[in-house]
Amino acid sequence: MKVFTRDYRITGDYPEKFSRYFEGMRSCVFDIESTGLDPSRSRVCMTALLVQTGSGIRITQFLAENHYEENRVLDATMDFIAREGIDYLITFNGQAFDVPFMNRRLESSFSDDRMRMYDFDLYRFLRRGTDLRQRINSMSQMSLEDHYGIFCDRQDTITGRESVALFDEYSLTGNSTIEKIILTHNREDVLQLHRLMYLSLDEPEDFDSAIAIHGFPVLRGKYTARPFIRKAARTLRIAGEQIQCPVSAAFFPDIDSPLTAVFNAATASYEIDVPVGRLHDEFYVDLEPLGVDLCMDEDCVNRFLILNSRTINLISRIVLERIDSRLFHTADI
């Protein structure tokens, strides 16, 4: 296995409206190259991981020199994530491909490691939370790069399918020219995805609503939260995944709390229902029974929080944190 690193002086943070959901969390732009699309037969042959440094960004790549070095690439990738203290991934279609593929290959190699962390999948975020799909011909990464005018900056000239064929040849010959070509393709994928994060996150008209559809992290990615109002039931439903330490538990309304919550360890899922009131077309949450003080919030009137896309996400995070405290620290909600 070979290891390659490259530094770039690209500084700055992602847009503030994105960063406020990830405060204190360390990100990693992540991409894999595989020998095919079926993880039961194909292998991971290369990974790229982009992290921010004090002077810009650094891209680290782990490259298998043949088809029998997958385990070394997998172990090196997971060691890197642990060593760098990565809290969440940034991927492009990673929820459907990169992350489950990695986990399937880790399982096949009898490793106890798994990629259990929040994944901000830019493809899924833009596909569900914007109208880009109707405005451009394709939602592929290269099509988006072309849409935002950065495709011409790519230094590689091959597709992912061509990369598979080239790796087969490389594993037999060790040809240095082929090595450079496949490394460049993989490196450009994460570099361009990093640039797309700056360019595309202003796309949603309502960012808070868009990230609620995608799911945002709570407690440093221990949970994802996807809140929405159930108008007929007069509840705010907070649903999502238990990414770390899934448990089974249930809470029902009582004199101390009006919440209903069900956590399922088998499916690593949860659902919480918060009662809401309605006045004309506005929904609100009575904060007093929840023991929450948001009197300084601009959308709080006396003890009532008016619900909009921002405050829905805010109260959902607070409620989930309180439920987690009750689950693991026996504190009252």
C-alpha atoms as a PDB file:
ATOM      1  CA  MET A   1       0.000   0.000   0.000  1.00  0.00           C
ATOM      2  CA  LYS A   2       1.140   3.527  -0.767  1.00  0.00           C
ATOM      3  CA  VAL A   3       0.251   6.725   1.082  1.00  0.00           C
ATOM      4  CA  PHE A   4       0.162  10.134  -0.586  1.00  0.00           C
ATOM      5  CA  THR A   5      -0.483  13.570   0.913  1.00  0.00           C
ATOM      6  CA  ARG A   6      -0.899  16.946  -0.722  1.00  0.00           C
ATOM      7  CA  ASP A   7      -1.494  20.344   0.887  1.00  0.00           C
ATOM      8  CA  TYR A   8      -3.443  23.247  -0.594  1.00  0.00           C
ATOM      9  CA  ARG A   9      -3.708  26.821   0.659  1.00  0.00           C
ATOM     10  CA  ILE A  10      -7.505  26.891   0.468  1.00  0.00           C
ATOM     11  CA  THR A  11      -8.723  28.609   3.624  1.00  0.00           C
ATOM     12  CA  GLY A  12     -12.066  29.690   5.022  1.00  0.00           C
ATOM     13  CA  ASP A  13     -15.134  28.071   6.520  1.00  0.00           C
ATOM     14  CA  TYR A  14     -18.264  26.765   4.864  1.00  0.00           C
ATOM     15  CA  PRO A  15     -21.220  29.215   4.901  1.00  0.00           C
ATOM     16  CA  GLU A  16     -22.352  30.270   8.386  1.00  0.00           C
ATOM     17  CA  LYS A  17     -25.827  28.787   7.990  1.00  0.00           C
ATOM     18  CA  PHE A  18     -24.186  25.390   7.420  1.00  0.00           C
ATOM     19  CA  SER A  19     -21.501  25.790  10.070  1.00  0.00           C
ATOM     20  CA  ARG A  20     -23.944  26.556  12.893  1.00  0.00           C
ATOM     21  CA  TYR A  21     -25.265  22.983  12.638  1.00  0.00           C
ATOM     22  CA  PHE A  22     -21.724  21.587  12.891  1.00  0.00           C
ATOM     23  CA  GLU A  23     -20.137  23.834  15.496  1.00  0.00           C
ATOM     24  CA  GLY A  24     -17.229  22.122  17.227  1.00  0.00           C
ATOM     25  CA  MET A  25     -17.291  19.165  14.828  1.00  0.00           C
ATOM     26  CA  ARG A  26     -14.365  18.162  12.616  1.00  0.00           C
ATOM     27  CA  SER A  27     -15.204  17.234   9.026  1.00  0.00           C
ATOM     28  CA  CYS A  28     -13.605  14.973   6.438  1.00  0.00           C
ATOM     29  CA  VAL A  29     -14.442  15.024   2.729  1.00  0.00           C
ATOM     30  CA  PHE A  30     -14.383  11.347   1.801  1.00  0.00           C
ATOM     31  CA  ASP A  31     -14.374   9.303  -1.400  1.00  0.00           C
ATOM     32  CA  ILE A  32     -13.485   5.747  -2.337  1.00  0.00           C
ATOM     33  CA  GLU A  33     -12.422   3.986  -5.512  1.00  0.00           C
ATOM     34  CA  SER A  34     -13.472   0.373  -5.896  1.00  0.00           C
ATOM     35  CA  THR A  35     -12.891  -2.456  -8.345  1.00  0.00           C
ATOM     36  CA  GLY A  36     -16.625  -2.604  -9.111  1.00  0.00           C
ATOM     37  CA  LEU A  37     -20.058  -1.674  -7.810  1.00  0.00           C
ATOM     38  CA  ASP A  38     -20.966  -4.867  -5.945  1.00  0.00           C
ATOM     39  CA  PRO A  39     -19.366  -4.951  -2.465  1.00  0.00           C
ATOM     40  CA  SER A  40     -19.914  -8.702  -2.223  1.00  0.00           C
ATOM     41  CA  ARG A  41     -17.449  -9.240  -5.085  1.00  0.00           C
ATOM     42  CA  SER A  42     -15.558  -5.956  -5.506  1.00  0.00           C
ATOM     43  CA  ARG A  43     -12.967  -4.353  -3.276  1.00  0.00           C
ATOM     44  CA  VAL A  44     -11.881  -0.934  -2.073  1.00  0.00           C
ATOM     45  CA  CYS A  45      -8.662  -0.098  -3.896  1.00  0.00           C
ATOM     46  CA  MET A  46      -8.193   3.558  -2.859  1.00  0.00           C
ATOM     47  CA  THR A  47      -9.565   6.154  -0.462  1.00  0.00           C
ATOM     48  CA  ALA A  48      -9.170   9.919  -0.315  1.00  0.00           C
ATOM     49  CA  LEU A  49      -9.688  11.983   2.833  1.00  0.00           C
ATOM     50  CA  LEU A  50      -9.632  15.801   2.846  1.00  0.00           C
ATOM     51  CA  VAL A  51      -9.309  17.613   6.161  1.00  0.00           C
ATOM     52  CA  GLN A  52      -8.827  21.247   7.067  1.00  0.00           C
ATOM     53  CA  THR A  53      -5.506  22.335   8.569  1.00  0.00           C
ATOM     54  CA  GLY A  54      -4.255  25.556  10.102  1.00  0.00           C
ATOM     55  CA  SER A  55      -2.978  26.759   6.728  1.00  0.00           C
ATOM     56  CA  GLY A  56      -5.551  25.272   4.346  1.00  0.00           C
ATOM     57  CA  ILE A  57      -6.489  21.699   3.512  1.00  0.00           C
ATOM     58  CA  ARG A  58      -4.671  18.385   3.243  1.00  0.00           C
ATOM     59  CA  ILE A  59      -5.665  15.424   1.087  1.00  0.00           C
ATOM     60  CA  THR A  60      -4.442  11.989   2.172  1.00  0.00           C
ATOM     61  CA  GLN A  61      -4.818   8.999  -0.140  1.00  0.00           C
ATOM     62  CA  PHE A  62      -4.330   5.307   0.571  1.00  0.00           C
ATOM     63  CA  LEU A  63      -3.691   3.247  -2.572  1.00  0.00           C
ATOM     64  CA  ALA A  64      -3.605  -0.530  -2.804  1.00  0.00           C
ATOM     65  CA  GLU A  65      -0.791  -1.722  -5.076  1.00  0.00           C
ATOM     66  CA  ASN A  66      -2.772  -4.824  -6.044  1.00  0.00           C
ATOM     67  CA  HIS A  67      -6.101  -6.546  -5.421  1.00  0.00           C
ATOM     68  CA  TYR A  68      -4.798  -8.201  -2.239  1.00  0.00           C
ATOM     69  CA  GLU A  69      -4.037  -5.047  -0.257  1.00  0.00           C
ATOM     70  CA  GLU A  70      -7.616  -3.997   0.453  1.00  0.00           C
ATOM     71  CA  ASN A  71      -7.321  -4.757   4.171  1.00  0.00           C
ATOM     72  CA  ARG A  72      -4.374  -2.382   4.492  1.00  0.00           C
ATOM     73  CA  VAL A  73      -6.344   0.406   2.796  1.00  0.00           C
ATOM     74  CA  LEU A  74      -9.369  -0.215   5.019  1.00  0.00           C
ATOM     75  CA  ASP A  75      -7.313  -0.275   8.224  1.00  0.00           C
ATOM     76  CA  ALA A  76      -5.312   2.810   7.272  1.00  0.00           C
ATOM     77  CA  THR A  77      -8.495   4.724   6.448  1.00  0.00           C
ATOM     78  CA  MET A  78     -10.195   3.878   9.738  1.00  0.00           C
ATOM     79  CA  ASP A  79      -6.997   4.630  11.691  1.00  0.00           C
ATOM     80  CA  PHE A  80      -6.791   8.021   9.966  1.00  0.00           C
ATOM     81  CA  ILE A  81     -10.387   8.885  10.901  1.00  0.00           C
ATOM     82  CA  ALA A  82      -9.755   7.949  14.532  1.00  0.00           C
ATOM     83  CA  ARG A  83      -6.386   9.703  14.712  1.00  0.00           C
ATOM     84  CA  GLU A  84      -7.713  12.923  13.169  1.00  0.00           C
ATOM     85  CA  GLY A  85     -10.749  12.982  15.471  1.00  0.00           C
ATOM     86  CA  ILE A  86     -13.224  13.108  12.587  1.00  0.00           C
ATOM     87  CA  ASP A  87     -16.806  13.737  13.711  1.00  0.00           C
ATOM     88  CA  TYR A  88     -18.610  13.673  10.366  1.00  0.00           C
ATOM     89  CA  LEU A  89     -18.101  12.919   6.699  1.00  0.00           C
ATOM     90  CA  ILE A  90     -18.859  15.001   3.636  1.00  0.00           C
ATOM     91  CA  THR A  91     -19.588  12.800   0.627  1.00  0.00           C
ATOM     92  CA  PHE A  92     -21.289  12.817  -2.746  1.00  0.00           C
ATOM     93  CA  ASN A  93     -23.818   9.973  -2.826  1.00  0.00           C
ATOM     94  CA  GLY A  94     -21.895   8.495   0.073  1.00  0.00           C
ATOM     95  CA  GLN A  95     -25.006   7.377   1.930  1.00  0.00           C
ATOM     96  CA  ALA A  96     -25.901   5.094  -0.962  1.00  0.00           C
ATOM     97  CA  PHE A  97     -22.428   3.995  -2.061  1.00  0.00           C
ATOM     98  CA  ASP A  98     -19.170   4.956  -0.314  1.00  0.00           C
ATOM     99  CA  VAL A  99     -20.159   4.406   3.329  1.00  0.00           C
ATOM    100  CA  PRO A 100     -22.194   1.168   2.954  1.00  0.00           C
ATOM    101  CA  PHE A 101     -19.537  -0.181   0.561  1.00  0.00           C
ATOM    102  CA  MET A 102     -16.807   0.520   3.126  1.00  0.00           C
ATOM    103  CA  ASN A 103     -18.817  -1.092   5.904  1.00  0.00           C
ATOM    104  CA  ARG A 104     -19.572  -4.172   3.821  1.00  0.00           C
ATOM    105  CA  ARG A 105     -15.883  -4.583   3.004  1.00  0.00           C
ATOM    106  CA  LEU A 106     -14.899  -4.044   6.648  1.00  0.00           C
ATOM    107  CA  GLU A 107     -17.374  -6.761   7.592  1.00  0.00           C
ATOM    108  CA  SER A 108     -15.961  -9.081   4.922  1.00  0.00           C
ATOM    109  CA  SER A 109     -12.458  -8.536   6.276  1.00  0.00           C
ATOM    110  CA  PHE A 110     -13.655  -9.541   9.778  1.00  0.00           C
ATOM    111  CA  SER A 111     -12.856  -6.093  11.142  1.00  0.00           C
ATOM    112  CA  ASP A 112     -14.755  -4.769  14.158  1.00  0.00           C
ATOM    113  CA  ASP A 113     -14.515  -1.237  12.744  1.00  0.00           C
ATOM    114  CA  ARG A 114     -17.457   0.423  11.003  1.00  0.00           C
ATOM    115  CA  MET A 115     -18.061   3.910   9.667  1.00  0.00           C
ATOM    116  CA  ARG A 116     -20.627   4.985  12.256  1.00  0.00           C
ATOM    117  CA  MET A 117     -20.796   8.750  11.947  1.00  0.00           C
ATOM    118  CA  TYR A 118     -22.946  11.469  10.477  1.00  0.00           C
ATOM    119  CA  ASP A 119     -22.617  11.760   6.699  1.00  0.00           C
ATOM    120  CA  PHE A 120     -23.493  15.055   5.026  1.00  0.00           C
ATOM    121  CA  ASP A 121     -24.258  13.724   1.555  1.00  0.00           C
ATOM    122  CA  LEU A 122     -24.215  16.773  -0.733  1.00  0.00           C
ATOM    123  CA  TYR A 123     -25.900  14.869  -3.560  1.00  0.00           C
ATOM    124  CA  ARG A 124     -28.830  13.876  -1.372  1.00  0.00           C
ATOM    125  CA  PHE A 125     -29.032  17.347   0.201  1.00  0.00           C
ATOM    126  CA  LEU A 126     -29.233  19.133  -3.168  1.00  0.00           C
ATOM    127  CA  ARG A 127     -31.513  16.541  -4.755  1.00  0.00           C
ATOM    128  CA  ARG A 128     -34.105  16.704  -1.979  1.00  0.00           C
ATOM    129  CA  GLY A 129     -33.750  20.281  -0.782  1.00  0.00           C
ATOM    130  CA  THR A 130     -33.416  22.261  -4.022  1.00  0.00           C
ATOM    131  CA  ASP A 131     -34.855  22.441  -7.527  1.00  0.00           C
ATOM    132  CA  LEU A 132     -31.496  21.786  -9.187  1.00  0.00           C
ATOM    133  CA  ARG A 133     -32.732  18.459 -10.473  1.00  0.00           C
ATOM    134  CA  GLN A 134     -35.288  20.279 -12.634  1.00  0.00           C
ATOM    135  CA  ARG A 135     -32.806  22.921 -13.828  1.00  0.00           C
ATOM    136  CA  ILE A 136     -29.850  20.833 -14.945  1.00  0.00           C
ATOM    137  CA  ASN A 137     -29.675  17.647 -16.997  1.00  0.00           C
ATOM    138  CA  SER A 138     -27.889  15.509 -14.440  1.00  0.00           C
ATOM    139  CA  MET A 139     -27.148  15.510 -10.725  1.00  0.00           C
ATOM    140  CA  SER A 140     -23.770  13.824 -11.128  1.00  0.00           C
ATOM    141  CA  GLN A 141     -20.831  15.496  -9.417  1.00  0.00           C
ATOM    142  CA  MET A 142     -19.224  16.448 -12.718  1.00  0.00           C
ATOM    143  CA  SER A 143     -22.503  17.950 -13.978  1.00  0.00           C
ATOM    144  CA  LEU A 144     -22.710  20.083 -10.843  1.00  0.00           C
ATOM    145  CA  GLU A 145     -19.108  21.133 -11.287  1.00  0.00           C
ATOM    146  CA  ASP A 146     -19.973  22.202 -14.826  1.00  0.00           C
ATOM    147  CA  HIS A 147     -23.066  24.057 -13.568  1.00  0.00           C
ATOM    148  CA  TYR A 148     -20.982  26.052 -11.085  1.00  0.00           C
ATOM    149  CA  GLY A 149     -18.168  26.651 -13.557  1.00  0.00           C
ATOM    150  CA  ILE A 150     -15.401  24.613 -11.918  1.00  0.00           C
ATOM    151  CA  PHE A 151     -15.343  21.480 -14.089  1.00  0.00           C
ATOM    152  CA  CYS A 152     -12.711  23.102 -16.310  1.00  0.00           C
ATOM    153  CA  ASP A 153     -10.396  23.261 -13.274  1.00  0.00           C
ATOM    154  CA  ARG A 154     -10.198  19.466 -13.009  1.00  0.00           C
ATOM    155  CA  GLN A 155      -6.739  18.031 -13.580  1.00  0.00           C
ATOM    156  CA  ASP A 156      -7.957  14.529 -14.484  1.00  0.00           C
ATOM    157  CA  THR A 157      -9.450  13.264 -17.728  1.00  0.00           C
ATOM    158  CA  ILE A 158     -11.010   9.929 -16.786  1.00  0.00           C
ATOM    159  CA  THR A 159     -14.304   8.634 -15.402  1.00  0.00           C
ATOM    160  CA  GLY A 160     -14.841   6.346 -12.447  1.00  0.00           C
ATOM    161  CA  ARG A 161     -15.472   3.425 -14.806  1.00  0.00           C
ATOM    162  CA  GLU A 162     -12.184   4.076 -16.588  1.00  0.00           C
ATOM    163  CA  SER A 163     -10.447   4.235 -13.214  1.00  0.00           C
ATOM    164  CA  VAL A 164     -11.554   0.651 -12.484  1.00  0.00           C
ATOM    165  CA  ALA A 165      -9.996  -0.632 -15.703  1.00  0.00           C
ATOM    166  CA  LEU A 166      -6.817   1.342 -15.110  1.00  0.00           C
ATOM    167  CA  PHE A 167      -6.441  -0.043 -11.590  1.00  0.00           C
ATOM    168  CA  ASP A 168      -6.659  -3.576 -12.967  1.00  0.00           C
ATOM    169  CA  GLU A 169      -3.763  -2.754 -15.276  1.00  0.00           C
ATOM    170  CA  TYR A 170      -1.858  -0.967 -12.522  1.00  0.00           C
ATOM    171  CA  SER A 171      -2.157  -3.945 -10.152  1.00  0.00           C
ATOM    172  CA  LEU A 172      -0.412  -6.104 -12.759  1.00  0.00           C
ATOM    173  CA  THR A 173       2.248  -3.668 -13.954  1.00  0.00           C
ATOM    174  CA  GLY A 174       2.783  -1.040 -11.256  1.00  0.00           C
ATOM    175  CA  ASN A 175       3.027   1.495 -14.066  1.00  0.00           C
ATOM    176  CA  SER A 176       3.856   4.919 -12.582  1.00  0.00           C
ATOM    177  CA  THR A 177       1.930   6.834 -15.260  1.00  0.00           C
ATOM    178  CA  ILE A 178      -1.250   4.880 -14.545  1.00  0.00           C
ATOM    179  CA  GLU A 179      -0.661   5.399 -10.818  1.00  0.00           C
ATOM    180  CA  LYS A 180      -0.577   9.144 -11.346  1.00  0.00           C
ATOM    181  CA  ILE A 181      -3.753   9.096 -13.447  1.00  0.00           C
ATOM    182  CA  ILE A 182      -5.877   7.171 -10.932  1.00  0.00           C
ATOM    183  CA  LEU A 183      -4.489   9.140  -7.988  1.00  0.00           C
ATOM    184  CA  THR A 184      -5.329  12.410  -9.692  1.00  0.00           C
ATOM    185  CA  HIS A 185      -8.896  11.314 -10.433  1.00  0.00           C
ATOM    186  CA  ASN A 186      -9.518  10.298  -6.824  1.00  0.00           C
ATOM    187  CA  ARG A 187      -7.835  13.424  -5.424  1.00  0.00           C
ATOM    188  CA  GLU A 188      -9.790  15.738  -7.727  1.00  0.00           C
ATOM    189  CA  ASP A 189     -13.079  14.151  -6.623  1.00  0.00           C
ATOM    190  CA  VAL A 190     -12.610  15.259  -2.998  1.00  0.00           C
ATOM    191  CA  LEU A 191     -11.026  18.585  -3.903  1.00  0.00           C
ATOM    192  CA  GLN A 192     -13.899  19.489  -6.228  1.00  0.00           C
ATOM    193  CA  LEU A 193     -16.472  18.296  -3.699  1.00  0.00           C
ATOM    194  CA  HIS A 194     -14.875  20.597  -1.123  1.00  0.00           C
ATOM    195  CA  ARG A 195     -15.250  23.489  -3.585  1.00  0.00           C
ATOM    196  CA  LEU A 196     -18.873  22.535  -4.335  1.00  0.00           C
ATOM    197  CA  MET A 197     -19.647  22.914  -0.638  1.00  0.00           C
ATOM    198  CA  TYR A 198     -18.797  26.621  -0.870  1.00  0.00           C
ATOM    199  CA  LEU A 199     -20.699  27.114  -4.131  1.00  0.00           C
ATOM    200  CA  SER A 200     -23.906  25.120  -3.673  1.00  0.00           C
ATOM    201  CA  LEU A 201     -24.964  25.590  -0.047  1.00  0.00           C
ATOM    202  CA  ASP A 202     -26.659  28.885  -0.923  1.00  0.00           C
ATOM    203  CA  GLU A 203     -28.882  27.023  -3.385  1.00  0.00           C
ATOM    204  CA  PRO A 204     -31.839  26.228  -1.059  1.00  0.00           C
ATOM    205  CA  GLU A 205     -34.277  29.098  -0.581  1.00  0.00           C
ATOM    206  CA  ASP A 206     -34.726  27.914   3.016  1.00  0.00           C
ATOM    207  CA  PHE A 207     -31.557  26.244   4.283  1.00  0.00           C
ATOM    208  CA  ASP A 208     -33.064  25.244   7.648  1.00  0.00           C
ATOM    209  CA  SER A 209     -35.882  23.414   5.917  1.00  0.00           C
ATOM    210  CA  ALA A 210     -33.509  21.747   3.466  1.00  0.00           C
ATOM    211  CA  ILE A 211     -31.196  20.411   6.165  1.00  0.00           C
ATOM    212  CA  ALA A 212     -34.190  19.184   8.178  1.00  0.00           C
ATOM    213  CA  ILE A 213     -35.205  17.114   5.150  1.00  0.00           C
ATOM    214  CA  HIS A 214     -31.670  15.749   4.871  1.00  0.00           C
ATOM    215  CA  GLY A 215     -31.242  15.337   8.628  1.00  0.00           C
ATOM    216  CA  PHE A 216     -28.844  17.309  10.821  1.00  0.00           C
ATOM    217  CA  PRO A 217     -26.482  16.047  13.540  1.00  0.00           C
ATOM    218  CA  VAL A 218     -27.213  16.266  17.256  1.00  0.00           C
ATOM    219  CA  LEU A 219     -24.715  15.698  20.069  1.00  0.00           C
ATOM    220  CA  ARG A 220     -21.696  15.685  17.720  1.00  0.00           C
ATOM    221  CA  GLY A 221     -23.344  13.252  15.355  1.00  0.00           C
ATOM    222  CA  LYS A 222     -24.649  10.769  17.903  1.00  0.00           C
ATOM    223  CA  TYR A 223     -28.064  11.219  16.279  1.00  0.00           C
ATOM    224  CA  THR A 224     -29.539  12.570  13.098  1.00  0.00           C
ATOM    225  CA  ALA A 225     -32.720  14.619  13.416  1.00  0.00           C
ATOM    226  CA  ARG A 226     -35.414  15.087  10.755  1.00  0.00           C
ATOM    227  CA  PRO A 227     -38.205  17.133  12.339  1.00  0.00           C
ATOM    228  CA  PHE A 228     -41.555  17.989  10.789  1.00  0.00           C
ATOM    229  CA  ILE A 229     -44.972  19.122  11.993  1.00  0.00           C
ATOM    230  CA  ARG A 230     -47.810  16.604  11.889  1.00  0.00           C
ATOM    231  CA  LYS A 231     -50.657  19.046  11.457  1.00  0.00           C
ATOM    232  CA  ALA A 232     -53.524  16.609  11.975  1.00  0.00           C
ATOM    233  CA  ALA A 233     -51.946  15.109  15.098  1.00  0.00           C
ATOM    234  CA  ARG A 234     -50.874  18.530  16.439  1.00  0.00           C
ATOM    235  CA  THR A 235     -47.368  17.279  17.183  1.00  0.00           C
ATOM    236  CA  LEU A 236     -43.833  18.055  16.187  1.00  0.00           C
ATOM    237  CA  ARG A 237     -42.353  14.708  15.120  1.00  0.00           C
ATOM    238  CA  ILE A 238     -38.578  14.359  15.525  1.00  0.00           C
ATOM    239  CA  ALA A 239     -37.321  11.225  13.793  1.00  0.00           C
ATOM    240  CA  GLY A 240     -33.920   9.968  12.767  1.00  0.00           C
ATOM    241  CA  GLU A 241     -31.125   7.498  13.368  1.00  0.00           C
ATOM    242  CA  GLN A 242     -29.214   6.500  16.468  1.00  0.00           C
ATOM    243  CA  ILE A 243     -25.773   6.522  14.894  1.00  0.00           C
ATOM    244  CA  GLN A 244     -23.844   5.651  18.048  1.00  0.00           C
ATOM    245  CA  CYS A 245     -24.819   3.398  20.956  1.00  0.00           C
ATOM    246  CA  PRO A 246     -28.389   2.580  19.817  1.00  0.00           C
ATOM    247  CA  VAL A 247     -30.788   1.659  22.619  1.00  0.00           C
ATOM    248  CA  SER A 248     -34.375   0.529  23.006  1.00  0.00           C
ATOM    249  CA  ALA A 249     -36.569   2.629  25.275  1.00  0.00           C
ATOM    250  CA  ALA A 250     -39.986   4.272  25.445  1.00  0.00           C
ATOM    251  CA  PHE A 251     -41.329   7.335  27.252  1.00  0.00           C
ATOM    252  CA  PHE A 252     -44.930   8.405  27.535  1.00  0.00           C
ATOM    253  CA  PRO A 253     -46.577  11.649  28.705  1.00  0.00           C
ATOM    254  CA  ASP A 254     -46.856  12.056  32.457  1.00  0.00           C
ATOM    255  CA  ILE A 255     -47.029  14.820  35.033  1.00  0.00           C
ATOM    256  CA  ASP A 256     -43.352  15.652  34.494  1.00  0.00           C
ATOM    257  CA  SER A 257     -43.176  15.634  30.699  1.00  0.00           C
ATOM    258  CA  PRO A 258     -45.609  15.881  27.755  1.00  0.00           C
ATOM    259  CA  LEU A 259     -43.319  13.975  25.398  1.00  0.00           C
ATOM    260  CA  THR A 260     -43.758  10.623  23.721  1.00  0.00           C
ATOM    261  CA  ALA A 261     -40.566   8.893  22.578  1.00  0.00           C
ATOM    262  CA  VAL A 262     -39.701   5.467  21.171  1.00  0.00           C
ATOM    263  CA  PHE A 263     -36.114   4.308  20.589  1.00  0.00           C
ATOM    264  CA  ASN A 264     -35.424   1.049  18.704  1.00  0.00           C
ATOM    265  CA  ALA A 265     -31.958  -0.483  18.961  1.00  0.00           C
ATOM    266  CA  ALA A 266     -32.659  -3.141  16.317  1.00  0.00           C
ATOM    267  CA  THR A 267     -33.330  -0.546  13.620  1.00  0.00           C
ATOM    268  CA  ALA A 268     -31.125   2.161  15.200  1.00  0.00           C
ATOM    269  CA  SER A 269     -34.061   4.562  14.840  1.00  0.00           C
ATOM    270  CA  TYR A 270     -36.134   6.783  17.101  1.00  0.00           C
ATOM    271  CA  GLU A 271     -39.274   8.955  17.080  1.00  0.00           C
ATOM    272  CA  ILE A 272     -40.215  11.736  19.477  1.00  0.00           C
ATOM    273  CA  ASP A 273     -43.529  13.591  19.500  1.00  0.00           C
ATOM    274  CA  VAL A 274     -43.797  17.063  21.040  1.00  0.00           C
ATOM    275  CA  PRO A 275     -47.317  18.549  21.475  1.00  0.00           C
ATOM    276  CA  VAL A 276     -47.864  21.796  19.551  1.00  0.00           C
ATOM    277  CA  GLY A 277     -50.611  24.398  19.589  1.00  0.00           C
ATOM    278  CA  ARG A 278     -52.102  26.265  16.669  1.00  0.00           C
ATOM    279  CA  LEU A 279     -53.343  29.827  16.289  1.00  0.00           C
ATOM    280  CA  HIS A 280     -54.691  30.584  12.827  1.00  0.00           C
ATOM    281  CA  ASP A 281     -51.888  29.428  10.483  1.00  0.00           C
ATOM    282  CA  GLU A 282     -49.148  29.482  13.121  1.00  0.00           C
ATOM    283  CA  PHE A 283     -47.941  26.549  15.196  1.00  0.00           C
ATOM    284  CA  TYR A 284     -46.181  26.973  18.528  1.00  0.00           C
ATOM    285  CA  VAL A 285     -44.662  24.970  21.371  1.00  0.00           C
ATOM    286  CA  ASP A 286     -45.405  25.664  25.026  1.00  0.00           C
ATOM    287  CA  LEU A 287     -41.905  25.672  26.538  1.00  0.00           C
ATOM    288  CA  GLU A 288     -42.892  25.618  30.211  1.00  0.00           C
ATOM    289  CA  PRO A 289     -43.845  21.903  30.395  1.00  0.00           C
ATOM    290  CA  LEU A 290     -40.561  21.111  28.647  1.00  0.00           C
ATOM    291  CA  GLY A 291     -38.531  23.104  31.149  1.00  0.00           C
ATOM    292  CA  VAL A 292     -36.891  25.018  28.315  1.00  0.00           C
ATOM    293  CA  ASP A 293     -36.035  28.708  28.550  1.00  0.00           C
ATOM    294  CA  LEU A 294     -35.721  30.456  25.183  1.00  0.00           C
ATOM    295  CA  CYS A 295     -37.037  33.829  26.295  1.00  0.00           C
ATOM    296  CA  MET A 296     -34.241  35.639  24.449  1.00  0.00           C
ATOM    297  CA  ASP A 297     -35.080  34.025  21.118  1.00  0.00           C
ATOM    298  CA  GLU A 298     -36.666  36.415  18.626  1.00  0.00           C
ATOM    299  CA  ASP A 299     -39.489  33.926  17.955  1.00  0.00           C
ATOM    300  CA  CYS A 300     -40.343  33.329  21.610  1.00  0.00           C
ATOM    301  CA  VAL A 301     -43.419  35.152  22.957  1.00  0.00           C
ATOM    302  CA  ASN A 302     -43.713  34.806  26.738  1.00  0.00           C
ATOM    303  CA  ARG A 303     -43.308  31.047  27.155  1.00  0.00           C
ATOM    304  CA  PHE A 304     -44.400  30.084  23.633  1.00  0.00           C
ATOM    305  CA  LEU A 305     -41.997  29.388  20.778  1.00  0.00           C
ATOM    306  CA  ILE A 306     -43.428  30.192  17.346  1.00  0.00           C
ATOM    307  CA  LEU A 307     -42.485  27.400  14.978  1.00  0.00           C
ATOM    308  CA  ASN A 308     -40.733  28.094  11.701  1.00  0.00           C
ATOM    309  CA  SER A 309     -37.984  26.185   9.898  1.00  0.00           C
ATOM    310  CA  ARG A 310     -35.274  27.590  12.183  1.00  0.00           C
ATOM    311  CA  THR A 311     -37.063  27.158  15.514  1.00  0.00           C
ATOM    312  CA  ILE A 312     -38.319  23.685  14.586  1.00  0.00           C
ATOM    313  CA  ASN A 313     -34.714  22.579  14.246  1.00  0.00           C
ATOM    314  CA  LEU A 314     -33.692  24.459  17.397  1.00  0.00           C
ATOM    315  CA  ILE A 315     -36.309  22.931  19.678  1.00  0.00           C
ATOM    316  CA  SER A 316     -35.804  19.503  18.103  1.00  0.00           C
ATOM    317  CA  ARG A 317     -32.125  19.568  18.999  1.00  0.00           C
ATOM    318  CA  ILE A 318     -32.865  20.679  22.572  1.00  0.00           C
ATOM    319  CA  VAL A 319     -35.538  18.021  23.101  1.00  0.00           C
ATOM    320  CA  LEU A 320     -33.343  15.255  21.706  1.00  0.00           C
ATOM    321  CA  GLU A 321     -30.452  16.305  23.934  1.00  0.00           C
ATOM    322  CA  ARG A 322     -32.752  16.196  26.963  1.00  0.00           C
ATOM    323  CA  ILE A 323     -34.085  12.773  26.022  1.00  0.00           C
ATOM    324  CA  ASP A 324     -30.517  11.506  25.593  1.00  0.00           C
ATOM    325  CA  SER A 325     -29.681  12.850  29.040  1.00  0.00           C
ATOM    326  CA  ARG A 326     -32.599  10.948  30.481  1.00  0.00           C
ATOM    327  CA  LEU A 327     -31.589   7.773  28.644  1.00  0.00           C
ATOM    328  CA  PHE A 328     -27.970   7.762  29.718  1.00  0.00           C
ATOM    329  CA  HIS A 329     -27.768   9.933  32.809  1.00  0.00           C
ATOM    330  CA  THR A 330     -31.200   9.463  34.401  1.00  0.00           C
ATOM    331  CA  ALA A 331     -31.733  13.221  34.424  1.00  0.00           C
ATOM    332  CA  ASP A 332     -35.194  14.685  34.264  1.00  0.00           C
ATOM    333  CA  ILE A 333     -36.522  16.219  31.039  1.00  0.00           C
END
